[in-house]
């Protein structure tokens, strides 16, 4: 069984901090440049909704949530 996986594009990040405020167990901000830091690339189920919301709120689209493919084996 595969899980959701996150990826971040620090080049695209503008340091708004919405991710760290929305899902602090999954994201943080670099203290030096304010850009996104990914703490959990595969968030547990308990944090998945917050991670998905953070990805949707990111004003620069720097966060992608990759959902597992279902079906064909």
Protein backbone atom coordinates (compact mmCIF):
# COMPACT_ATOMS: atom_id res chain seq x y z
CA UNK A 1 0.00 0.00 0.00
CA UNK A 2 1.53 3.30 -1.03
CA UNK A 3 1.07 6.60 0.74
CA UNK A 4 0.76 10.19 -0.33
CA UNK A 5 4.10 11.87 -0.98
CA UNK A 6 4.96 15.55 -0.88
CA UNK A 7 7.54 17.44 -2.85
CA UNK A 8 8.54 21.08 -2.61
CA UNK A 9 10.16 23.45 -5.06
CA UNK A 10 12.31 25.84 -3.02
CA UNK A 11 13.11 27.82 -6.19
CA UNK A 12 9.41 28.59 -6.58
CA UNK A 13 8.76 29.27 -2.86
CA UNK A 14 8.24 32.93 -1.91
CA UNK A 15 8.40 32.38 1.86
CA UNK A 16 4.77 33.25 2.62
CA UNK A 17 4.73 30.66 5.44
CA UNK A 18 1.20 29.38 4.82
CA UNK A 19 2.50 25.80 4.79
CA UNK A 20 4.20 26.05 8.18
CA UNK A 21 1.13 27.71 9.71
CA UNK A 22 -1.29 25.19 8.20
CA UNK A 23 0.70 21.98 8.72
CA UNK A 24 3.50 22.64 11.24
CA UNK A 25 4.18 18.92 11.68
CA UNK A 26 4.90 18.59 7.97
CA UNK A 27 6.49 21.93 6.98
CA UNK A 28 8.75 24.55 8.49
CA UNK A 29 10.52 27.65 7.20
CA UNK A 30 14.28 27.94 6.85
CA UNK A 31 15.46 30.44 9.48
CA UNK A 32 18.05 31.83 7.05
CA UNK A 33 15.99 32.50 3.92
CA UNK A 34 12.38 31.87 5.01
CA UNK A 35 11.81 29.25 2.33
CA UNK A 36 9.88 26.04 2.84
CA UNK A 37 11.46 23.09 4.61
CA UNK A 38 9.80 19.71 4.16
CA UNK A 39 9.81 17.81 7.45
CA UNK A 40 7.79 14.77 6.33
CA UNK A 41 7.76 13.77 2.67
CA UNK A 42 5.25 11.01 3.46
CA UNK A 43 2.92 12.49 6.06
CA UNK A 44 1.00 10.03 8.20
CA UNK A 45 -2.76 9.89 7.74
CA UNK A 46 -3.31 12.19 10.72
CA UNK A 47 -1.43 15.01 8.93
CA UNK A 48 -2.51 14.30 5.35
CA UNK A 49 -5.52 16.68 5.31
CA UNK A 50 -3.43 19.55 6.68
CA UNK A 51 -0.66 18.84 4.16
CA UNK A 52 -3.19 18.81 1.32
CA UNK A 53 -4.65 22.10 2.55
CA UNK A 54 -1.17 23.63 2.79
CA UNK A 55 -0.43 22.61 -0.78
CA UNK A 56 -3.65 24.25 -1.91
CA UNK A 57 -2.97 27.44 0.04
CA UNK A 58 0.59 27.91 -1.18
CA UNK A 59 0.48 31.18 -3.15
CA UNK A 60 3.39 30.19 -5.38
CA UNK A 61 2.40 26.57 -5.98
CA UNK A 62 5.68 25.33 -4.53
CA UNK A 63 4.13 22.29 -2.84
CA UNK A 64 2.87 19.21 -4.66
CA UNK A 65 1.02 16.34 -3.06
CA UNK A 66 1.43 13.15 -5.08
CA UNK A 67 -1.43 10.76 -4.39
CA UNK A 68 -0.87 7.03 -4.84
CA UNK A 69 -2.25 5.54 -8.02
CA UNK A 70 -5.08 3.14 -7.46
CA UNK A 71 -6.17 0.27 -9.55
CA UNK A 72 -4.14 -1.81 -11.99
CA UNK A 73 -1.77 -4.43 -10.69
